[in-house]
Amino acid sequence: SYFITTARGFIHDESALFEALRNKSIAGAGLDVWAKEPPPPDHPLLQ
């Protein structure tokens, strides 16, 4: 499954999403909102 958010940052936990992606618990994500906007280029989820 894929996680998609076009709502607001802080509704989902970015660290928890990072772990889910790293562990391949989910297939991928589509992210339009961030805890800090815009996210820095070295944001873990952008890797």
ModelCIF file with pLDDT and N, C-alpha, C, O atoms, coordinates in Angstrom:
data_MODEL
#
_entry.id   MODEL 
#
_entity.id                         1 
_entity.type                       polymer 
_entity.pdbx_number_of_molecules   1 
#
_entity_poly.entity_id                      1 
_entity_poly.type                           'polypeptide(L)' 
_entity_poly.nstd_linkage                   no 
_entity_poly.nstd_monomer                   no 
_entity_poly.pdbx_seq_one_letter_code       SYFITTARGFIHDESALFEALRNKSIAGAGLDVWAKEPPPPDHPLLQ 
_entity_poly.pdbx_seq_one_letter_code_can   SYFITTARGFIHDESALFEALRNKSIAGAGLDVWAKEPPPPDHPLLQ 
_entity_poly.pdbx_strand_id                 A 
#
loop_
_entity_poly_seq.entity_id 
_entity_poly_seq.num 
_entity_poly_seq.mon_id 
_entity_poly_seq.hetero 
1 1  SER n 
1 2  TYR n 
1 3  PHE n 
1 4  ILE n 
1 5  THR n 
1 6  THR n 
1 7  ALA n 
1 8  ARG n 
1 9  GLY n 
1 10 PHE n 
1 11 ILE n 
1 12 HIS n 
1 13 ASP n 
1 14 GLU n 
1 15 SER n 
1 16 ALA n 
1 17 LEU n 
1 18 PHE n 
1 19 GLU n 
1 20 ALA n 
1 21 LEU n 
1 22 ARG n 
1 23 ASN n 
1 24 LYS n 
1 25 SER n 
1 26 ILE n 
1 27 ALA n 
1 28 GLY n 
1 29 ALA n 
1 30 GLY n 
1 31 LEU n 
1 32 ASP n 
1 33 VAL n 
1 34 TRP n 
1 35 ALA n 
1 36 LYS n 
1 37 GLU n 
1 38 PRO n 
1 39 PRO n 
1 40 PRO n 
1 41 PRO n 
1 42 ASP n 
1 43 HIS n 
1 44 PRO n 
1 45 LEU n 
1 46 LEU n 
1 47 GLN n 
#
_struct_asym.id          A 
_struct_asym.entity_id   1 
#
loop_
_ma_qa_metric.id 
_ma_qa_metric.mode 
_ma_qa_metric.name 
_ma_qa_metric.software_group_id 
_ma_qa_metric.type 
1 global pLDDT . pLDDT 
2 local  pLDDT . pLDDT 
#
_ma_qa_metric_global.metric_id      1 
_ma_qa_metric_global.metric_value   96.83 
_ma_qa_metric_global.model_id       1 
_ma_qa_metric_global.ordinal_id     1 
#
loop_
_ma_qa_metric_local.label_asym_id 
_ma_qa_metric_local.label_comp_id 
_ma_qa_metric_local.label_seq_id 
_ma_qa_metric_local.metric_id 
_ma_qa_metric_local.metric_value 
_ma_qa_metric_local.model_id 
_ma_qa_metric_local.ordinal_id 
A SER 1  2 98.00 1 1  
A TYR 2  2 98.00 1 2  
A PHE 3  2 98.00 1 3  
A ILE 4  2 98.00 1 4  
A THR 5  2 97.00 1 5  
A THR 6  2 95.00 1 6  
A ALA 7  2 96.00 1 7  
A ARG 8  2 96.00 1 8  
A GLY 9  2 95.00 1 9  
A PHE 10 2 97.00 1 10 
A ILE 11 2 98.00 1 11 
A HIS 12 2 98.00 1 12 
A ASP 13 2 98.00 1 13 
A GLU 14 2 98.00 1 14 
A SER 15 2 98.00 1 15 
A ALA 16 2 98.00 1 16 
A LEU 17 2 98.00 1 17 
A PHE 18 2 98.00 1 18 
A GLU 19 2 98.00 1 19 
A ALA 20 2 98.00 1 20 
A LEU 21 2 98.00 1 21 
A ARG 22 2 97.00 1 22 
A ASN 23 2 97.00 1 23 
A LYS 24 2 97.00 1 24 
A SER 25 2 97.00 1 25 
A ILE 26 2 98.00 1 26 
A ALA 27 2 97.00 1 27 
A GLY 28 2 97.00 1 28 
A ALA 29 2 98.00 1 29 
A GLY 30 2 98.00 1 30 
A LEU 31 2 98.00 1 31 
A ASP 32 2 97.00 1 32 
A VAL 33 2 97.00 1 33 
A TRP 34 2 97.00 1 34 
A ALA 35 2 96.00 1 35 
A LYS 36 2 95.00 1 36 
A GLU 37 2 94.00 1 37 
A PRO 38 2 92.00 1 38 
A PRO 39 2 94.00 1 39 
A PRO 40 2 95.00 1 40 
A PRO 41 2 94.00 1 41 
A ASP 42 2 95.00 1 42 
A HIS 43 2 97.00 1 43 
A PRO 44 2 97.00 1 44 
A LEU 45 2 98.00 1 45 
A LEU 46 2 97.00 1 46 
A GLN 47 2 96.00 1 47 
#
loop_
_atom_site.group_PDB 
_atom_site.id 
_atom_site.type_symbol 
_atom_site.label_atom_id 
_atom_site.label_alt_id 
_atom_site.label_comp_id 
_atom_site.label_asym_id 
_atom_site.label_entity_id 
_atom_site.label_seq_id 
_atom_site.pdbx_PDB_ins_code 
_atom_site.Cartn_x 
_atom_site.Cartn_y 
_atom_site.Cartn_z 
_atom_site.occupancy 
_atom_site.B_iso_or_equiv 
_atom_site.pdbx_formal_charge 
_atom_site.auth_seq_id 
_atom_site.auth_comp_id 
_atom_site.auth_asym_id 
_atom_site.auth_atom_id 
_atom_site.pdbx_PDB_model_num 
ATOM 1   N N  . SER A 1 1  ? 0.816  -1.218 0.000  1.00 98.00 ? 1  SER A N  1 
ATOM 2   C CA . SER A 1 1  ? 0.000  0.000  0.000  1.00 98.00 ? 1  SER A CA 1 
ATOM 3   C C  . SER A 1 1  ? 0.849  1.267  0.000  1.00 98.00 ? 1  SER A C  1 
ATOM 4   O O  . SER A 1 1  ? 2.031  1.251  0.344  1.00 98.00 ? 1  SER A O  1 
ATOM 5   N N  . TYR A 1 2  ? 0.207  2.364  -0.398 1.00 98.00 ? 2  TYR A N  1 
ATOM 6   C CA . TYR A 1 2  ? 0.866  3.668  -0.500 1.00 98.00 ? 2  TYR A CA 1 
ATOM 7   C C  . TYR A 1 2  ? 0.173  4.665  0.424  1.00 98.00 ? 2  TYR A C  1 
ATOM 8   O O  . TYR A 1 2  ? -1.049 4.660  0.569  1.00 98.00 ? 2  TYR A O  1 
ATOM 9   N N  . PHE A 1 3  ? 0.977  5.510  1.037  1.00 98.00 ? 3  PHE A N  1 
ATOM 10  C CA . PHE A 1 3  ? 0.481  6.560  1.923  1.00 98.00 ? 3  PHE A CA 1 
ATOM 11  C C  . PHE A 1 3  ? 0.584  7.888  1.197  1.00 98.00 ? 3  PHE A C  1 
ATOM 12  O O  . PHE A 1 3  ? 1.654  8.253  0.711  1.00 98.00 ? 3  PHE A O  1 
ATOM 13  N N  . ILE A 1 4  ? -0.541 8.620  1.122  1.00 98.00 ? 4  ILE A N  1 
ATOM 14  C CA . ILE A 1 4  ? -0.592 9.896  0.395  1.00 98.00 ? 4  ILE A CA 1 
ATOM 15  C C  . ILE A 1 4  ? -1.191 10.954 1.308  1.00 98.00 ? 4  ILE A C  1 
ATOM 16  O O  . ILE A 1 4  ? -2.224 10.724 1.937  1.00 98.00 ? 4  ILE A O  1 
ATOM 17  N N  . THR A 1 5  ? -0.543 12.112 1.380  1.00 97.00 ? 5  THR A N  1 
ATOM 18  C CA . THR A 1 5  ? -1.138 13.195 2.164  1.00 97.00 ? 5  THR A CA 1 
ATOM 19  C C  . THR A 1 5  ? -1.031 14.521 1.430  1.00 97.00 ? 5  THR A C  1 
ATOM 20  O O  . THR A 1 5  ? 0.034  14.927 0.964  1.00 97.00 ? 5  THR A O  1 
ATOM 21  N N  . THR A 1 6  ? -2.180 15.175 1.348  1.00 95.00 ? 6  THR A N  1 
ATOM 22  C CA . THR A 1 6  ? -2.260 16.536 0.806  1.00 95.00 ? 6  THR A CA 1 
ATOM 23  C C  . THR A 1 6  ? -2.946 17.424 1.835  1.00 95.00 ? 6  THR A C  1 
ATOM 24  O O  . THR A 1 6  ? -3.568 18.428 1.486  1.00 95.00 ? 6  THR A O  1 
ATOM 25  N N  . ALA A 1 7  ? -2.829 17.044 3.111  1.00 96.00 ? 7  ALA A N  1 
ATOM 26  C CA . ALA A 1 7  ? -3.566 17.736 4.169  1.00 96.00 ? 7  ALA A CA 1 
ATOM 27  C C  . ALA A 1 7  ? -2.686 18.778 4.847  1.00 96.00 ? 7  ALA A C  1 
ATOM 28  O O  . ALA A 1 7  ? -2.550 19.895 4.349  1.00 96.00 ? 7  ALA A O  1 
ATOM 29  N N  . ARG A 1 8  ? -2.095 18.423 5.971  1.00 96.00 ? 8  ARG A N  1 
ATOM 30  C CA . ARG A 1 8  ? -1.211 19.309 6.725  1.00 96.00 ? 8  ARG A CA 1 
ATOM 31  C C  . ARG A 1 8  ? -0.115 18.478 7.375  1.00 96.00 ? 8  ARG A C  1 
ATOM 32  O O  . ARG A 1 8  ? -0.301 17.293 7.655  1.00 96.00 ? 8  ARG A O  1 
ATOM 33  N N  . GLY A 1 9  ? 1.022  19.106 7.610  1.00 95.00 ? 9  GLY A N  1 
ATOM 34  C CA . GLY A 1 9  ? 2.061  18.456 8.373  1.00 95.00 ? 9  GLY A CA 1 
ATOM 35  C C  . GLY A 1 9  ? 1.586  18.222 9.799  1.00 95.00 ? 9  GLY A C  1 
ATOM 36  O O  . GLY A 1 9  ? 0.631  18.849 10.259 1.00 95.00 ? 9  GLY A O  1 
ATOM 37  N N  . PHE A 1 10 ? 2.257  17.321 10.487 1.00 97.00 ? 10 PHE A N  1 
ATOM 38  C CA . PHE A 1 10 ? 1.989  16.965 11.877 1.00 97.00 ? 10 PHE A CA 1 
ATOM 39  C C  . PHE A 1 10 ? 0.798  16.031 12.041 1.00 97.00 ? 10 PHE A C  1 
ATOM 40  O O  . PHE A 1 10 ? 0.590  15.514 13.139 1.00 97.00 ? 10 PHE A O  1 
ATOM 41  N N  . ILE A 1 11 ? 0.002  15.790 10.989 1.00 98.00 ? 11 ILE A N  1 
ATOM 42  C CA . ILE A 1 11 ? -1.041 14.770 11.099 1.00 98.00 ? 11 ILE A CA 1 
ATOM 43  C C  . ILE A 1 11 ? -0.392 13.391 11.097 1.00 98.00 ? 11 ILE A C  1 
ATOM 44  O O  . ILE A 1 11 ? -0.827 12.496 11.821 1.00 98.00 ? 11 ILE A O  1 
ATOM 45  N N  . HIS A 1 12 ? 0.639  13.222 10.291 1.00 98.00 ? 12 HIS A N  1 
ATOM 46  C CA . HIS A 1 12 ? 1.404  11.976 10.326 1.00 98.00 ? 12 HIS A CA 1 
ATOM 47  C C  . HIS A 1 12 ? 2.774  12.237 10.936 1.00 98.00 ? 12 HIS A C  1 
ATOM 48  O O  . HIS A 1 12 ? 3.312  13.341 10.850 1.00 98.00 ? 12 HIS A O  1 
ATOM 49  N N  . ASP A 1 13 ? 3.316  11.214 11.543 1.00 98.00 ? 13 ASP A N  1 
ATOM 50  C CA . ASP A 1 13 ? 4.629  11.266 12.181 1.00 98.00 ? 13 ASP A CA 1 
ATOM 51  C C  . ASP A 1 13 ? 5.682  10.957 11.108 1.00 98.00 ? 13 ASP A C  1 
ATOM 52  O O  . ASP A 1 13 ? 5.736  9.840  10.594 1.00 98.00 ? 13 ASP A O  1 
ATOM 53  N N  . GLU A 1 14 ? 6.513  11.942 10.775 1.00 98.00 ? 14 GLU A N  1 
ATOM 54  C CA . GLU A 1 14 ? 7.486  11.756 9.706  1.00 98.00 ? 14 GLU A CA 1 
ATOM 55  C C  . GLU A 1 14 ? 8.526  10.698 10.062 1.00 98.00 ? 14 GLU A C  1 
ATOM 56  O O  . GLU A 1 14 ? 8.961  9.943  9.192  1.00 98.00 ? 14 GLU A O  1 
ATOM 57  N N  . SER A 1 15 ? 8.924  10.636 11.313 1.00 98.00 ? 15 SER A N  1 
ATOM 58  C CA . SER A 1 15 ? 9.897  9.624  11.730 1.00 98.00 ? 15 SER A CA 1 
ATOM 59  C C  . SER A 1 15 ? 9.318  8.221  11.594 1.00 98.00 ? 15 SER A C  1 
ATOM 60  O O  . SER A 1 15 ? 10.009 7.294  11.170 1.00 98.00 ? 15 SER A O  1 
ATOM 61  N N  . ALA A 1 16 ? 8.045  8.070  11.955 1.00 98.00 ? 16 ALA A N  1 
ATOM 62  C CA . ALA A 1 16 ? 7.388  6.763  11.834 1.00 98.00 ? 16 ALA A CA 1 
ATOM 63  C C  . ALA A 1 16 ? 7.237  6.373  10.366 1.00 98.00 ? 16 ALA A C  1 
ATOM 64  O O  . ALA A 1 16 ? 7.376  5.201  10.016 1.00 98.00 ? 16 ALA A O  1 
ATOM 65  N N  . LEU A 1 17 ? 6.951  7.353  9.509  1.00 98.00 ? 17 LEU A N  1 
ATOM 66  C CA . LEU A 1 17 ? 6.855  7.067  8.080  1.00 98.00 ? 17 LEU A CA 1 
ATOM 67  C C  . LEU A 1 17 ? 8.213  6.651  7.531  1.00 98.00 ? 17 LEU A C  1 
ATOM 68  O O  . LEU A 1 17 ? 8.298  5.733  6.716  1.00 98.00 ? 17 LEU A O  1 
ATOM 69  N N  . PHE A 1 18 ? 9.276  7.319  7.972  1.00 98.00 ? 18 PHE A N  1 
ATOM 70  C CA . PHE A 1 18 ? 10.624 6.947  7.550  1.00 98.00 ? 18 PHE A CA 1 
ATOM 71  C C  . PHE A 1 18 ? 10.910 5.493  7.889  1.00 98.00 ? 18 PHE A C  1 
ATOM 72  O O  . PHE A 1 18 ? 11.431 4.752  7.056  1.00 98.00 ? 18 PHE A O  1 
ATOM 73  N N  . GLU A 1 19 ? 10.573 5.079  9.105  1.00 98.00 ? 19 GLU A N  1 
ATOM 74  C CA . GLU A 1 19 ? 10.818 3.700  9.521  1.00 98.00 ? 19 GLU A CA 1 
ATOM 75  C C  . GLU A 1 19 ? 9.987  2.721  8.704  1.00 98.00 ? 19 GLU A C  1 
ATOM 76  O O  . GLU A 1 19 ? 10.471 1.649  8.339  1.00 98.00 ? 19 GLU A O  1 
ATOM 77  N N  . ALA A 1 20 ? 8.737  3.083  8.415  1.00 98.00 ? 20 ALA A N  1 
ATOM 78  C CA . ALA A 1 20 ? 7.873  2.198  7.629  1.00 98.00 ? 20 ALA A CA 1 
ATOM 79  C C  . ALA A 1 20 ? 8.433  2.004  6.223  1.00 98.00 ? 20 ALA A C  1 
ATOM 80  O O  . ALA A 1 20 ? 8.378  0.901  5.679  1.00 98.00 ? 20 ALA A O  1 
ATOM 81  N N  . LEU A 1 21 ? 8.968  3.063  5.638  1.00 98.00 ? 21 LEU A N  1 
ATOM 82  C CA . LEU A 1 21 ? 9.555  2.965  4.300  1.00 98.00 ? 21 LEU A CA 1 
ATOM 83  C C  . LEU A 1 21 ? 10.878 2.205  4.341  1.00 98.00 ? 21 LEU A C  1 
ATOM 84  O O  . LEU A 1 21 ? 11.156 1.381  3.470  1.00 98.00 ? 21 LEU A O  1 
ATOM 85  N N  . ARG A 1 22 ? 11.684 2.484  5.349  1.00 97.00 ? 22 ARG A N  1 
ATOM 86  C CA . ARG A 1 22 ? 12.986 1.817  5.444  1.00 97.00 ? 22 ARG A CA 1 
ATOM 87  C C  . ARG A 1 22 ? 12.818 0.316  5.655  1.00 97.00 ? 22 ARG A C  1 
ATOM 88  O O  . ARG A 1 22 ? 13.574 -0.486 5.107  1.00 97.00 ? 22 ARG A O  1 
ATOM 89  N N  . ASN A 1 23 ? 11.812 -0.058 6.459  1.00 97.00 ? 23 ASN A N  1 
ATOM 90  C CA . ASN A 1 23 ? 11.560 -1.472 6.729  1.00 97.00 ? 23 ASN A CA 1 
ATOM 91  C C  . ASN A 1 23 ? 10.696 -2.129 5.662  1.00 97.00 ? 23 ASN A C  1 
ATOM 92  O O  . ASN A 1 23 ? 10.396 -3.320 5.744  1.00 97.00 ? 23 ASN A O  1 
ATOM 93  N N  . LYS A 1 24 ? 10.294 -1.345 4.654  1.00 97.00 ? 24 LYS A N  1 
ATOM 94  C CA . LYS A 1 24 ? 9.443  -1.833 3.564  1.00 97.00 ? 24 LYS A CA 1 
ATOM 95  C C  . LYS A 1 24 ? 8.118  -2.374 4.085  1.00 97.00 ? 24 LYS A C  1 
ATOM 96  O O  . LYS A 1 24 ? 7.562  -3.331 3.547  1.00 97.00 ? 24 LYS A O  1 
ATOM 97  N N  . SER A 1 25 ? 7.622  -1.735 5.150  1.00 97.00 ? 25 SER A N  1 
ATOM 98  C CA . SER A 1 25 ? 6.305  -2.085 5.675  1.00 97.00 ? 25 SER A CA 1 
ATOM 99  C C  . SER A 1 25 ? 5.205  -1.606 4.745  1.00 97.00 ? 25 SER A C  1 
ATOM 100 O O  . SER A 1 25 ? 4.121  -2.188 4.709  1.00 97.00 ? 25 SER A O  1 
ATOM 101 N N  . ILE A 1 26 ? 5.481  -0.532 3.983  1.00 98.00 ? 26 ILE A N  1 
ATOM 102 C CA . ILE A 1 26 ? 4.566  -0.041 2.962  1.00 98.00 ? 26 ILE A CA 1 
ATOM 103 C C  . ILE A 1 26 ? 5.360  0.157  1.672  1.00 98.00 ? 26 ILE A C  1 
ATOM 104 O O  . ILE A 1 26 ? 6.591  0.163  1.685  1.00 98.00 ? 26 ILE A O  1 
ATOM 105 N N  . ALA A 1 27 ? 4.644  0.319  0.560  1.00 97.00 ? 27 ALA A N  1 
ATOM 106 C CA . ALA A 1 27 ? 5.321  0.348  -0.742 1.00 97.00 ? 27 ALA A CA 1 
ATOM 107 C C  . ALA A 1 27 ? 5.889  1.708  -1.098 1.00 97.00 ? 27 ALA A C  1 
ATOM 108 O O  . ALA A 1 27 ? 6.866  1.790  -1.843 1.00 97.00 ? 27 ALA A O  1 
ATOM 109 N N  . GLY A 1 28 ? 5.294  2.782  -0.579 1.00 97.00 ? 28 GLY A N  1 
ATOM 110 C CA . GLY A 1 28 ? 5.776  4.107  -0.951 1.00 97.00 ? 28 GLY A CA 1 
ATOM 111 C C  . GLY A 1 28 ? 4.872  5.181  -0.397 1.00 97.00 ? 28 GLY A C  1 
ATOM 112 O O  . GLY A 1 28 ? 3.906  4.903  0.313  1.00 97.00 ? 28 GLY A O  1 
ATOM 113 N N  . ALA A 1 29 ? 5.205  6.426  -0.735 1.00 98.00 ? 29 ALA A N  1 
ATOM 114 C CA . ALA A 1 29 ? 4.440  7.558  -0.210 1.00 98.00 ? 29 ALA A CA 1 
ATOM 115 C C  . ALA A 1 29 ? 4.435  8.703  -1.206 1.00 98.00 ? 29 ALA A C  1 
ATOM 116 O O  . ALA A 1 29 ? 5.366  8.880  -1.992 1.00 98.00 ? 29 ALA A O  1 
ATOM 117 N N  . GLY A 1 30 ? 3.358  9.475  -1.151 1.00 98.00 ? 30 GLY A N  1 
ATOM 118 C CA . GLY A 1 30 ? 3.245  10.725 -1.903 1.00 98.00 ? 30 GLY A CA 1 
ATOM 119 C C  . GLY A 1 30 ? 2.996  11.837 -0.906 1.00 98.00 ? 30 GLY A C  1 
ATOM 120 O O  . GLY A 1 30 ? 1.964  11.846 -0.236 1.00 98.00 ? 30 GLY A O  1 
ATOM 121 N N  . LEU A 1 31 ? 3.932  12.784 -0.795 1.00 98.00 ? 31 LEU A N  1 
ATOM 122 C CA . LEU A 1 31 ? 3.898  13.779 0.272  1.00 98.00 ? 31 LEU A CA 1 
ATOM 123 C C  . LEU A 1 31 ? 3.867  15.194 -0.298 1.00 98.00 ? 31 LEU A C  1 
ATOM 124 O O  . LEU A 1 31 ? 4.767  15.602 -1.031 1.00 98.00 ? 31 LEU A O  1 
ATOM 125 N N  . ASP A 1 32 ? 2.816  15.932 0.051  1.00 97.00 ? 32 ASP A N  1 
ATOM 126 C CA . ASP A 1 32 ? 2.710  17.335 -0.350 1.00 97.00 ? 32 ASP A CA 1 
ATOM 127 C C  . ASP A 1 32 ? 2.847  18.268 0.843  1.00 97.00 ? 32 ASP A C  1 
ATOM 128 O O  . ASP A 1 32 ? 2.994  19.477 0.660  1.00 97.00 ? 32 ASP A O  1 
ATOM 129 N N  . VAL A 1 33 ? 2.803  17.734 2.060  1.00 97.00 ? 33 VAL A N  1 
ATOM 130 C CA . VAL A 1 33 ? 2.865  18.565 3.260  1.00 97.00 ? 33 VAL A CA 1 
ATOM 131 C C  . VAL A 1 33 ? 3.931  18.022 4.198  1.00 97.00 ? 33 VAL A C  1 
ATOM 132 O O  . VAL A 1 33 ? 4.227  16.828 4.211  1.00 97.00 ? 33 VAL A O  1 
ATOM 133 N N  . TRP A 1 34 ? 4.505  18.942 4.993  1.00 97.00 ? 34 TRP A N  1 
ATOM 134 C CA . TRP A 1 34 ? 5.664  18.614 5.797  1.00 97.00 ? 34 TRP A CA 1 
ATOM 135 C C  . TRP A 1 34 ? 5.576  19.307 7.148  1.00 97.00 ? 34 TRP A C  1 
ATOM 136 O O  . TRP A 1 34 ? 4.865  20.300 7.304  1.00 97.00 ? 34 TRP A O  1 
ATOM 137 N N  . ALA A 1 35 ? 6.311  18.769 8.131  1.00 96.00 ? 35 ALA A N  1 
ATOM 138 C CA . ALA A 1 35 ? 6.383  19.421 9.429  1.00 96.00 ? 35 ALA A CA 1 
ATOM 139 C C  . ALA A 1 35 ? 7.073  20.770 9.308  1.00 96.00 ? 35 ALA A C  1 
ATOM 140 O O  . ALA A 1 35 ? 6.684  21.732 9.970  1.00 96.00 ? 35 ALA A O  1 
ATOM 141 N N  . LYS A 1 36 ? 8.100  20.843 8.462  1.00 95.00 ? 36 LYS A N  1 
ATOM 142 C CA . LYS A 1 36 ? 8.764  22.097 8.148  1.00 95.00 ? 36 LYS A CA 1 
ATOM 143 C C  . LYS A 1 36 ? 8.665  22.314 6.649  1.00 95.00 ? 36 LYS A C  1 
ATOM 144 O O  . LYS A 1 36 ? 9.090  21.468 5.863  1.00 95.00 ? 36 LYS A O  1 
ATOM 145 N N  . GLU A 1 37 ? 8.104  23.448 6.255  1.00 94.00 ? 37 GLU A N  1 
ATOM 146 C CA . GLU A 1 37 ? 7.907  23.706 4.833  1.00 94.00 ? 37 GLU A CA 1 
ATOM 147 C C  . GLU A 1 37 ? 8.668  24.955 4.395  1.00 94.00 ? 37 GLU A C  1 
ATOM 148 O O  . GLU A 1 37 ? 8.596  25.993 5.053  1.00 94.00 ? 37 GLU A O  1 
ATOM 149 N N  . PRO A 1 38 ? 9.409  24.851 3.265  1.00 92.00 ? 38 PRO A N  1 
ATOM 150 C CA . PRO A 1 38 ? 9.674  23.597 2.538  1.00 92.00 ? 38 PRO A CA 1 
ATOM 151 C C  . PRO A 1 38 ? 10.660 22.730 3.309  1.00 92.00 ? 38 PRO A C  1 
ATOM 152 O O  . PRO A 1 38 ? 11.435 23.240 4.117  1.00 92.00 ? 38 PRO A O  1 
ATOM 153 N N  . PRO A 1 39 ? 10.635 21.423 3.063  1.00 94.00 ? 39 PRO A N  1 
ATOM 154 C CA . PRO A 1 39 ? 11.575 20.551 3.772  1.00 94.00 ? 39 PRO A CA 1 
ATOM 155 C C  . PRO A 1 39 ? 12.995 20.790 3.271  1.00 94.00 ? 39 PRO A C  1 
ATOM 156 O O  . PRO A 1 39 ? 13.179 21.127 2.101  1.00 94.00 ? 39 PRO A O  1 
ATOM 157 N N  . PRO A 1 40 ? 13.987 20.627 4.113  1.00 95.00 ? 40 PRO A N  1 
ATOM 158 C CA . PRO A 1 40 ? 15.372 20.798 3.666  1.00 95.00 ? 40 PRO A CA 1 
ATOM 159 C C  . PRO A 1 40 ? 15.753 19.716 2.661  1.00 95.00 ? 40 PRO A C  1 
ATOM 160 O O  . PRO A 1 40 ? 15.191 18.622 2.700  1.00 95.00 ? 40 PRO A O  1 
ATOM 161 N N  . PRO A 1 41 ? 16.698 20.000 1.761  1.00 94.00 ? 41 PRO A N  1 
ATOM 162 C CA . PRO A 1 41 ? 17.084 19.002 0.739  1.00 94.00 ? 41 PRO A CA 1 
ATOM 163 C C  . PRO A 1 41 ? 17.585 17.694 1.327  1.00 94.00 ? 41 PRO A C  1 
ATOM 164 O O  . PRO A 1 41 ? 17.485 16.650 0.681  1.00 94.00 ? 41 PRO A O  1 
ATOM 165 N N  . ASP A 1 42 ? 18.127 17.730 2.548  1.00 95.00 ? 42 ASP A N  1 
ATOM 166 C CA . ASP A 1 42 ? 18.638 16.504 3.157  1.00 95.00 ? 42 ASP A CA 1 
ATOM 167 C C  . ASP A 1 42 ? 17.601 15.817 4.055  1.00 95.00 ? 42 ASP A C  1 
ATOM 168 O O  . ASP A 1 42 ? 17.947 14.955 4.863  1.00 95.00 ? 42 ASP A O  1 
ATOM 169 N N  . HIS A 1 43 ? 16.339 16.201 3.910  1.00 97.00 ? 43 HIS A N  1 
ATOM 170 C CA . HIS A 1 43 ? 15.282 15.561 4.709  1.00 97.00 ? 43 HIS A CA 1 
ATOM 171 C C  . HIS A 1 43 ? 15.318 14.056 4.464  1.00 97.00 ? 43 HIS A C  1 
ATOM 172 O O  . HIS A 1 43 ? 15.401 13.629 3.312  1.00 97.00 ? 43 HIS A O  1 
ATOM 173 N N  . PRO A 1 44 ? 15.257 13.245 5.511  1.00 97.00 ? 44 PRO A N  1 
ATOM 174 C CA . PRO A 1 44 ? 15.362 11.787 5.342  1.00 97.00 ? 44 PRO A CA 1 
ATOM 175 C C  . PRO A 1 44 ? 14.352 11.192 4.364  1.00 97.00 ? 44 PRO A C  1 
ATOM 176 O O  . PRO A 1 44 ? 14.680 10.254 3.638  1.00 97.00 ? 44 PRO A O  1 
ATOM 177 N N  . LEU A 1 45 ? 13.129 11.724 4.333  1.00 98.00 ? 45 LEU A N  1 
ATOM 178 C CA . LEU A 1 45 ? 12.110 11.152 3.459  1.00 98.00 ? 45 LEU A CA 1 
ATOM 179 C C  . LEU A 1 45 ? 12.378 11.440 1.987  1.00 98.00 ? 45 LEU A C  1 
ATOM 180 O O  . LEU A 1 45 ? 11.848 10.752 1.115  1.00 98.00 ? 45 LEU A O  1 
ATOM 181 N N  . LEU A 1 46 ? 13.194 12.447 1.702  1.00 97.00 ? 46 LEU A N  1 
ATOM 182 C CA . LEU A 1 46 ? 13.524 12.768 0.306  1.00 97.00 ? 46 LEU A CA 1 
ATOM 183 C C  . LEU A 1 46 ? 14.592 11.843 -0.256 1.00 97.00 ? 46 LEU A C  1 
ATOM 184 O O  . LEU A 1 46 ? 14.908 11.917 -1.444 1.00 97.00 ? 46 LEU A O  1 
ATOM 185 N N  . GLN A 1 47 ? 15.146 10.982 0.567  1.00 96.00 ? 47 GLN A N  1 
ATOM 186 C CA . GLN A 1 47 ? 16.213 10.087 0.114  1.00 96.00 ? 47 GLN A CA 1 
ATOM 187 C C  . GLN A 1 47 ? 15.671 8.795  -0.489 1.00 96.00 ? 47 GLN A C  1 
ATOM 188 O O  . GLN A 1 47 ? 16.446 7.939  -0.915 1.00 96.00 ? 47 GLN A O  1 
#
